[in-house]
Amino acid sequence: MFKKQDSKLKTPNWNMEHFVIYNPVKLHFGKDVVQGLGKAAAAAGKKALLVYGKGSVKKNGSYQDTLGSLKAAGIEVIEFDGIRPNPVVEDADAAAEEGRRQGADMVVGLGGGSAIDTAKFVAAGIPAGHSVWEFAAGRQKPLKALPLMAVLTLAATGTEMNSFAVIQNNATKKKLGYGHPLMFPRHSFLDPSYTLTVPPDHTAYGIADLVAHSLEAWFGEGEASLTDRFITSIIREAMQYGPRLMNDPKNYELRARIMFAATSALNGLTVQGKKGQDWGVHDIGHALSVLWDIPHGASLSVAYPAWLKLQQERIPERIRELGEALFRNNHTGDTIYKLESFFRLLGSPVSLEEAGINTSDDLALGELLEVMRDNKVSGVVHKLTEDDHRQLIGYMAGNEP
């Protein structure tokens, strides 16, 4: 018999947010799963616009497999290649125009995050008829979008299982993220064997990217203990298998573990019960990418240690909790040092110098400050001022708190 609860006992002060889980992506994971692409595409239409990058997909076999599966199902394929590692609005607009001109009724994104992000904007842009920058800038919203399929060849961004994409406008020196439910892929195909030929630097950047996505959720707002355990488990997965993968890049099993971790870091698993993620570090990284074309994951491994140093006295408890979960220590400085050491162990840069930027050039650093100011670099939860921008640049340049 349970005892009657004492009505005088206080109700715990839970701060877990109400939430709705919605993810319509059908994810196909494993070797040779792309053989099922044709059947999925045939249910969506008859003519596919295939959007991909600059050639790596032809070296890893994914292009041949994708094209073969589509054509075996009777799908006519229009190709648009040349998508850049930091996707730009001009490419997305040109691909959308080609899709409209040729009457495509679906879009297939083949490659890493840049190709699939571009494909998302293209799928929404074809029926819209205007530049996709109108979406990114918040001036227009998609009213409809073509069905989208994704074939992933790089473990990094998690775009294969969410409705968000990032795009860059070099004319305005802005790089913006945008999301809409119409931009979810219907099907995503993840064959880890396609990542076996990813070079060491981009393998490292992908691991840094998935860790950064997890940290953006960790430093978001709201109390959700199980979600926090999901977050730290994903980071620990990367820390356990990432260095091993760097030493054994042809190991399919290690590639598979990192690929699944990258997907899990940004498919909604890490935000349930929270108000959302912070994204301040991504804002910093976008400024680095738009100014110097630094690979996305590399920009984040430069920015995160600097951001943590800035926040060390502002949110010490949250940083300590992270250290306890990852490193079994609760000293904020040790946590920052060990995270920085992990990025360096992978081979991902942790300073502007390591990313190839001359920090003795005051004009370059001044331009970075200007870009950060013009892009209103800040977080959703942890707001950043122009003085913060200056401190962050100093930390990224190698100065210590």
Protein backbone atom coordinates (compact mmCIF):
# COMPACT_ATOMS: atom_id res chain seq x y z
CA MET A 1 0.00 0.00 0.00
CA PHE A 2 1.40 3.37 -0.99
CA LYS A 3 1.34 6.10 1.59
CA LYS A 4 -0.76 9.13 0.80
CA GLN A 5 1.47 11.96 -0.35
CA ASP A 6 1.82 14.79 2.15
CA SER A 7 0.08 17.75 0.58
CA LYS A 8 2.56 20.05 2.27
CA LEU A 9 5.47 18.64 0.24
CA LYS A 10 6.64 21.07 -2.40
CA THR A 11 6.32 20.12 -6.06
CA PRO A 12 9.77 19.89 -7.69
CA ASN A 13 10.66 22.95 -9.75
CA TRP A 14 10.82 21.29 -13.17
CA ASN A 15 11.80 23.52 -16.06
CA MET A 16 11.38 20.97 -18.83
CA GLU A 17 9.59 22.51 -21.80
CA HIS A 18 6.49 21.11 -23.48
CA PHE A 19 7.42 19.74 -26.88
CA VAL A 20 6.22 18.05 -30.05
CA ILE A 21 8.37 15.51 -31.86
CA TYR A 22 8.03 15.63 -35.62
CA ASN A 23 10.52 14.20 -38.09
CA PRO A 24 9.07 12.84 -41.34
CA VAL A 25 12.42 11.75 -42.84
CA LYS A 26 12.67 8.06 -43.68
CA LEU A 27 16.33 7.28 -43.03
CA HIS A 28 17.99 4.33 -44.78
CA PHE A 29 21.31 3.42 -43.12
CA GLY A 30 23.86 0.82 -44.19
CA LYS A 31 25.84 -0.57 -47.07
CA ASP A 32 24.13 -0.51 -50.48
CA VAL A 33 20.98 1.23 -49.20
CA VAL A 34 21.07 3.54 -52.25
CA GLN A 35 19.70 0.65 -54.27
CA GLY A 36 16.34 1.66 -52.77
CA LEU A 37 16.53 5.24 -54.00
CA GLY A 38 14.90 4.53 -57.35
CA LYS A 39 11.81 2.98 -55.78
CA ALA A 40 11.42 5.92 -53.38
CA ALA A 41 11.91 8.43 -56.20
CA ALA A 42 9.41 6.68 -58.49
CA ALA A 43 6.74 7.28 -55.86
CA ALA A 44 7.50 11.01 -55.99
CA GLY A 45 7.80 11.76 -59.71
CA LYS A 46 9.43 11.03 -63.04
CA LYS A 47 12.16 13.64 -63.54
CA ALA A 48 14.85 14.35 -60.94
CA LEU A 49 17.24 17.28 -60.69
CA LEU A 50 20.44 15.76 -59.29
CA VAL A 51 22.45 18.36 -57.34
CA TYR A 52 26.03 17.54 -56.35
CA GLY A 53 29.52 18.96 -55.86
CA LYS A 54 32.78 19.00 -57.75
CA GLY A 55 33.81 15.40 -58.29
CA SER A 56 34.34 13.46 -55.06
CA VAL A 57 31.02 11.68 -55.57
CA LYS A 58 32.41 10.10 -58.74
CA LYS A 59 35.45 8.83 -56.85
CA ASN A 60 33.56 7.19 -53.97
CA GLY A 61 30.99 5.44 -56.19
CA SER A 62 27.94 7.28 -54.87
CA TYR A 63 27.32 9.10 -58.17
CA GLN A 64 27.30 5.88 -60.17
CA ASP A 65 25.07 4.13 -57.63
CA THR A 66 22.65 7.05 -57.41
CA LEU A 67 22.37 7.46 -61.16
CA GLY A 68 21.99 3.71 -61.66
CA SER A 69 19.22 3.38 -59.09
CA LEU A 70 17.28 6.33 -60.50
CA LYS A 71 17.56 5.21 -64.12
CA ALA A 72 16.68 1.60 -63.28
CA ALA A 73 13.42 2.95 -61.87
CA GLY A 74 12.71 4.88 -65.06
CA ILE A 75 13.55 8.30 -63.59
CA GLU A 76 14.87 10.90 -66.04
CA VAL A 77 17.86 12.70 -64.51
CA ILE A 78 18.96 16.31 -65.01
CA GLU A 79 22.39 17.00 -63.52
CA PHE A 80 23.61 20.16 -61.82
CA ASP A 81 27.13 19.92 -60.42
CA GLY A 82 29.77 22.23 -58.99
CA ILE A 83 28.22 23.01 -55.59
CA ARG A 84 30.92 24.60 -53.43
CA PRO A 85 31.93 23.47 -49.91
CA ASN A 86 30.43 26.65 -48.47
CA PRO A 87 27.21 26.75 -50.55
CA VAL A 88 26.41 30.05 -52.24
CA VAL A 89 23.14 31.57 -53.34
CA GLU A 90 24.22 31.90 -56.98
CA ASP A 91 24.58 28.12 -57.32
CA ALA A 92 21.23 27.44 -55.67
CA ASP A 93 19.47 29.97 -57.89
CA ALA A 94 21.11 28.57 -61.04
CA ALA A 95 20.13 25.02 -60.07
CA ALA A 96 16.54 26.10 -59.38
CA GLU A 97 16.37 27.85 -62.75
CA GLU A 98 17.66 24.71 -64.48
CA GLY A 99 15.08 22.60 -62.64
CA ARG A 100 12.27 24.95 -63.70
CA ARG A 101 13.45 25.07 -67.30
CA GLN A 102 13.67 21.29 -67.59
CA GLY A 103 10.46 20.56 -65.70
CA ALA A 104 11.96 18.63 -62.77
CA ASP A 105 9.38 17.24 -60.38
CA MET A 106 11.80 16.23 -57.59
CA VAL A 107 15.29 17.09 -56.33
CA VAL A 108 18.03 14.67 -55.27
CA GLY A 109 20.90 16.08 -53.21
CA LEU A 110 24.08 13.99 -53.46
CA GLY A 111 27.12 14.74 -51.32
CA GLY A 112 27.86 16.38 -47.98
CA GLY A 113 26.06 19.13 -46.16
CA SER A 114 26.73 21.76 -48.82
CA ALA A 115 25.10 19.77 -51.62
CA ILE A 116 22.13 18.70 -49.54
CA ASP A 117 21.61 22.18 -48.05
CA THR A 118 21.65 23.59 -51.58
CA ALA A 119 19.19 20.91 -52.71
CA LYS A 120 16.82 21.94 -49.91
CA PHE A 121 16.81 25.54 -51.08
CA VAL A 122 16.44 24.39 -54.69
CA ALA A 123 13.44 22.18 -53.86
CA ALA A 124 11.72 25.21 -52.30
CA GLY A 125 13.03 27.64 -54.91
CA ILE A 126 11.83 25.88 -58.08
CA PRO A 127 8.10 26.47 -57.46
CA ALA A 128 8.72 29.89 -55.90
CA GLY A 129 10.37 31.41 -58.97
CA HIS A 130 12.46 33.97 -57.04
CA SER A 131 15.93 33.89 -55.52
CA VAL A 132 16.28 31.49 -52.61
CA TRP A 133 18.00 34.30 -50.72
CA GLU A 134 14.51 35.68 -50.14
CA PHE A 135 13.92 32.66 -47.89
CA ALA A 136 17.23 32.92 -46.07
CA ALA A 137 16.77 36.65 -45.48
CA GLY A 138 13.28 36.06 -44.07
CA ARG A 139 11.46 38.07 -46.71
CA GLN A 140 9.56 35.10 -48.16
CA LYS A 141 8.35 31.71 -46.93
CA PRO A 142 7.98 28.62 -49.10
CA LEU A 143 4.38 27.83 -50.02
CA LYS A 144 5.33 24.48 -51.53
CA ALA A 145 8.43 22.51 -52.42
CA LEU A 146 9.37 19.65 -54.71
CA PRO A 147 9.93 16.25 -53.09
CA LEU A 148 13.52 15.96 -51.88
CA MET A 149 15.78 12.91 -51.57
CA ALA A 150 19.26 12.96 -50.02
CA VAL A 151 22.25 10.68 -50.55
CA LEU A 152 24.89 11.49 -47.95
CA THR A 153 28.64 11.14 -48.49
CA LEU A 154 30.05 13.04 -45.48
CA ALA A 155 29.38 12.61 -41.76
CA ALA A 156 29.10 16.14 -40.42
CA THR A 157 26.12 18.46 -40.61
CA GLY A 158 23.08 16.28 -39.88
CA THR A 159 21.18 18.02 -42.69
CA GLU A 160 20.02 14.63 -43.95
CA MET A 161 17.46 14.36 -41.15
CA ASN A 162 16.26 17.91 -40.53
CA SER A 163 14.56 20.81 -42.28
CA PHE A 164 17.36 23.36 -42.02
CA ALA A 165 19.97 24.62 -44.45
CA VAL A 166 22.69 27.25 -44.58
CA ILE A 167 23.59 29.42 -47.55
CA GLN A 168 26.12 32.17 -48.22
CA ASN A 169 25.80 35.47 -50.05
CA ASN A 170 29.28 36.68 -50.97
CA ALA A 171 28.00 40.01 -52.28
CA THR A 172 26.64 40.99 -48.87
CA LYS A 173 29.16 38.92 -46.85
CA LYS A 174 26.35 37.15 -45.06
CA LYS A 175 25.89 33.46 -44.31
CA LEU A 176 22.46 32.56 -42.96
CA GLY A 177 20.62 29.50 -41.76
CA TYR A 178 16.99 28.88 -42.62
CA GLY A 179 14.51 26.14 -41.90
CA HIS A 180 10.99 25.21 -42.95
CA PRO A 181 8.98 21.96 -42.66
CA LEU A 182 8.75 21.79 -46.47
CA MET A 183 12.54 21.38 -46.56
CA PHE A 184 12.65 18.00 -44.82
CA PRO A 185 13.95 15.27 -47.16
CA ARG A 186 11.38 12.55 -47.75
CA HIS A 187 14.08 9.89 -47.83
CA SER A 188 17.75 10.01 -46.87
CA PHE A 189 20.24 7.29 -47.79
CA LEU A 190 23.34 6.87 -45.63
CA ASP A 191 25.94 4.35 -46.78
CA PRO A 192 29.06 4.69 -44.58
CA SER A 193 31.19 3.15 -47.33
CA TYR A 194 30.83 6.41 -49.29
CA THR A 195 32.77 8.17 -46.52
CA LEU A 196 35.79 5.84 -46.70
CA THR A 197 37.53 8.13 -49.19
CA VAL A 198 36.87 11.38 -47.31
CA PRO A 199 40.32 12.96 -46.73
CA PRO A 200 41.65 13.30 -43.17
CA ASP A 201 41.07 17.05 -42.86
CA HIS A 202 37.40 16.89 -43.83
CA THR A 203 36.89 13.79 -41.70
CA ALA A 204 38.19 15.80 -38.74
CA TYR A 205 36.05 18.82 -39.63
CA GLY A 206 32.97 16.60 -39.76
CA ILE A 207 33.63 15.24 -36.28
CA ALA A 208 34.19 18.78 -34.97
CA ASP A 209 30.90 19.80 -36.60
CA LEU A 210 28.84 17.09 -34.91
CA VAL A 211 30.39 17.94 -31.53
CA ALA A 212 29.61 21.63 -32.10
CA HIS A 213 25.98 20.82 -32.92
CA SER A 214 25.71 18.88 -29.69
CA LEU A 215 27.25 21.72 -27.70
CA GLU A 216 24.85 24.24 -29.22
CA ALA A 217 22.07 22.14 -27.68
CA TRP A 218 23.90 21.71 -24.36
CA PHE A 219 24.18 25.47 -23.97
CA GLY A 220 20.58 26.04 -25.04
CA GLU A 221 17.85 27.03 -22.63
CA GLY A 222 15.77 24.64 -20.54
CA GLU A 223 16.20 21.70 -18.18
CA ALA A 224 15.79 18.24 -19.72
CA SER A 225 18.01 15.69 -18.01
CA LEU A 226 17.45 12.82 -20.45
CA THR A 227 18.08 15.09 -23.41
CA ASP A 228 21.31 16.25 -21.76
CA ARG A 229 22.36 12.60 -21.51
CA PHE A 230 21.63 12.15 -25.21
CA ILE A 231 23.83 15.19 -25.94
CA THR A 232 26.81 14.06 -23.90
CA SER A 233 26.50 10.49 -25.20
CA ILE A 234 26.80 11.75 -28.77
CA ILE A 235 29.88 13.80 -27.87
CA ARG A 236 31.43 10.86 -26.03
CA GLU A 237 30.77 8.67 -29.07
CA ALA A 238 32.73 11.16 -31.17
CA MET A 239 35.52 11.34 -28.60
CA GLN A 240 35.78 7.56 -28.38
CA TYR A 241 35.68 6.72 -32.07
CA GLY A 242 36.84 9.93 -33.74
CA PRO A 243 40.58 9.60 -32.94
CA ARG A 244 40.46 5.90 -33.80
CA LEU A 245 38.93 6.76 -37.16
CA MET A 246 41.65 9.32 -37.86
CA ASN A 247 44.20 6.51 -37.39
CA ASP A 248 42.17 3.96 -39.36
CA PRO A 249 40.25 5.90 -42.04
CA LYS A 250 39.30 2.83 -44.10
CA ASN A 251 37.48 1.19 -41.18
CA TYR A 252 33.82 0.86 -42.22
CA GLU A 253 32.57 0.25 -38.67
CA LEU A 254 34.21 3.40 -37.34
CA ARG A 255 32.86 5.40 -40.29
CA ALA A 256 29.37 4.06 -39.53
CA ARG A 257 29.54 5.05 -35.86
CA ILE A 258 30.62 8.59 -36.67
CA MET A 259 28.00 8.88 -39.43
CA PHE A 260 25.19 7.88 -37.06
CA ALA A 261 26.49 10.22 -34.37
CA ALA A 262 26.50 13.15 -36.82
CA THR A 263 22.90 12.44 -37.82
CA SER A 264 21.80 12.11 -34.20
CA ALA A 265 23.41 15.42 -33.27
CA LEU A 266 20.95 17.44 -35.36
CA ASN A 267 17.80 15.39 -35.96
CA GLY A 268 15.83 16.76 -33.00
CA LEU A 269 17.08 14.26 -30.43
CA THR A 270 19.14 16.87 -28.60
CA VAL A 271 16.48 19.56 -28.17
CA GLN A 272 13.40 17.80 -26.78
CA GLY A 273 12.36 19.48 -23.53
CA LYS A 274 14.50 22.55 -24.22
CA LYS A 275 13.50 25.88 -25.71
CA GLY A 276 16.15 25.40 -28.35
CA GLN A 277 19.83 25.67 -29.12
CA ASP A 278 22.06 28.73 -28.81
CA TRP A 279 23.80 28.90 -32.24
CA GLY A 280 26.16 31.71 -31.19
CA VAL A 281 29.25 29.70 -32.09
CA HIS A 282 27.79 28.88 -35.50
CA ASP A 283 27.27 32.61 -36.03
CA ILE A 284 30.96 33.16 -35.31
CA GLY A 285 31.93 30.30 -37.62
CA HIS A 286 29.76 31.69 -40.40
CA ALA A 287 31.64 35.00 -40.18
CA LEU A 288 34.94 33.15 -40.59
CA SER A 289 33.63 31.14 -43.53
CA VAL A 290 32.10 34.05 -45.41
CA LEU A 291 35.26 36.12 -45.00
CA TRP A 292 37.99 33.51 -45.59
CA ASP A 293 36.12 30.46 -46.94
CA ILE A 294 37.23 28.38 -43.95
CA PRO A 295 35.54 24.93 -44.02
CA HIS A 296 32.51 24.92 -41.77
CA GLY A 297 33.69 22.34 -39.22
CA ALA A 298 37.12 23.98 -39.02
CA SER A 299 35.51 27.35 -38.28
CA LEU A 300 33.63 25.78 -35.37
CA SER A 301 36.69 24.16 -33.80
CA VAL A 302 38.34 27.60 -33.90
CA ALA A 303 35.29 29.37 -32.47
CA TYR A 304 34.16 27.01 -29.69
CA PRO A 305 37.18 27.20 -27.37
CA ALA A 306 37.13 31.01 -27.74
CA TRP A 307 33.42 31.15 -26.93
CA LEU A 308 33.90 28.95 -23.87
CA LYS A 309 36.70 31.19 -22.63
CA LEU A 310 34.36 34.18 -23.00
CA GLN A 311 31.60 32.36 -21.09
CA GLN A 312 33.84 30.83 -18.43
CA GLU A 313 32.80 33.27 -15.68
CA ARG A 314 29.26 33.81 -17.00
CA ILE A 315 28.00 30.22 -17.04
CA PRO A 316 30.58 28.33 -14.95
CA GLU A 317 28.10 25.79 -13.62
CA ARG A 318 26.99 24.68 -17.07
CA ILE A 319 30.58 24.32 -18.22
CA ARG A 320 31.39 22.36 -15.05
CA GLU A 321 28.46 20.01 -15.70
CA LEU A 322 29.79 19.42 -19.21
CA GLY A 323 33.23 18.63 -17.81
CA GLU A 324 31.80 16.16 -15.32
CA ALA A 325 29.84 14.37 -18.05
CA LEU A 326 32.70 14.23 -20.58
CA PHE A 327 35.93 14.25 -18.59
CA ARG A 328 34.96 13.47 -14.99
CA ASN A 329 36.27 16.80 -13.78
CA ASN A 330 34.42 19.94 -12.79
CA HIS A 331 37.06 22.60 -13.41
CA THR A 332 35.96 24.97 -16.17
CA GLY A 333 39.48 25.69 -17.39
CA ASP A 334 40.30 21.97 -17.64
CA THR A 335 37.09 21.33 -19.58
CA ILE A 336 37.93 24.03 -22.13
CA TYR A 337 41.51 22.79 -22.42
CA LYS A 338 40.46 19.17 -22.92
CA LEU A 339 37.87 20.06 -25.56
CA GLU A 340 40.45 22.18 -27.38
CA SER A 341 42.94 19.30 -27.12
CA PHE A 342 40.38 16.92 -28.62
CA PHE A 343 39.89 19.15 -31.66
CA ARG A 344 43.66 19.46 -32.03
CA LEU A 345 44.07 15.68 -31.71
CA LEU A 346 41.70 15.24 -34.65
CA GLY A 347 43.70 17.72 -36.70
CA SER A 348 41.04 20.42 -36.72
CA PRO A 349 42.33 23.98 -36.10
CA VAL A 350 41.71 25.69 -32.76
CA SER A 351 43.03 29.15 -33.64
CA LEU A 352 42.96 31.54 -36.56
CA GLU A 353 46.65 30.92 -37.19
CA GLU A 354 46.05 27.18 -37.44
CA ALA A 355 43.25 27.93 -39.91
CA GLY A 356 45.71 29.84 -42.10
CA ILE A 357 44.80 33.40 -41.05
CA ASN A 358 47.58 35.89 -40.34
CA THR A 359 46.65 37.32 -36.95
CA SER A 360 49.39 39.95 -37.11
CA ASP A 361 47.38 41.62 -39.88
CA ASP A 362 45.30 44.22 -38.03
CA LEU A 363 43.33 44.98 -41.19
CA ALA A 364 42.20 41.34 -41.44
CA LEU A 365 41.10 41.23 -37.81
CA GLY A 366 39.39 44.58 -38.22
CA GLU A 367 37.49 43.22 -41.21
CA LEU A 368 36.44 40.20 -39.15
CA LEU A 369 35.09 42.52 -36.44
CA GLU A 370 33.16 44.43 -39.11
CA VAL A 371 31.68 41.24 -40.58
CA MET A 372 30.67 40.02 -37.11
CA ARG A 373 29.01 43.36 -36.39
CA ASP A 374 27.24 43.55 -39.76
CA ASN A 375 25.98 39.97 -39.39
CA LYS A 376 24.81 40.69 -35.83
CA VAL A 377 26.75 37.68 -34.55
CA SER A 378 25.08 36.50 -31.36
CA GLY A 379 23.43 33.55 -29.70
CA VAL A 380 19.76 32.88 -29.07
CA VAL A 381 20.37 32.34 -25.35
CA HIS A 382 23.79 33.84 -24.71
CA LYS A 383 23.76 37.25 -26.35
CA LEU A 384 26.99 38.73 -27.70
CA THR A 385 27.95 42.40 -27.81
CA GLU A 386 30.52 44.16 -29.98
CA ASP A 387 32.90 44.11 -27.00
CA ASP A 388 32.36 40.35 -26.87
CA HIS A 389 33.24 40.17 -30.57
CA ARG A 390 36.56 41.87 -29.82
CA GLN A 391 37.31 39.45 -26.99
CA LEU A 392 36.38 36.47 -29.13
CA ILE A 393 38.68 37.61 -31.92
CA GLY A 394 41.46 37.96 -29.36
CA TYR A 395 40.90 34.44 -28.04
CA MET A 396 40.78 33.03 -31.58
CA ALA A 397 44.03 34.88 -32.27
CA GLY A 398 45.67 33.09 -29.36
CA ASN A 399 45.20 35.46 -26.45
CA GLU A 400 44.31 33.89 -23.13
CA PRO A 401 41.70 35.15 -20.63
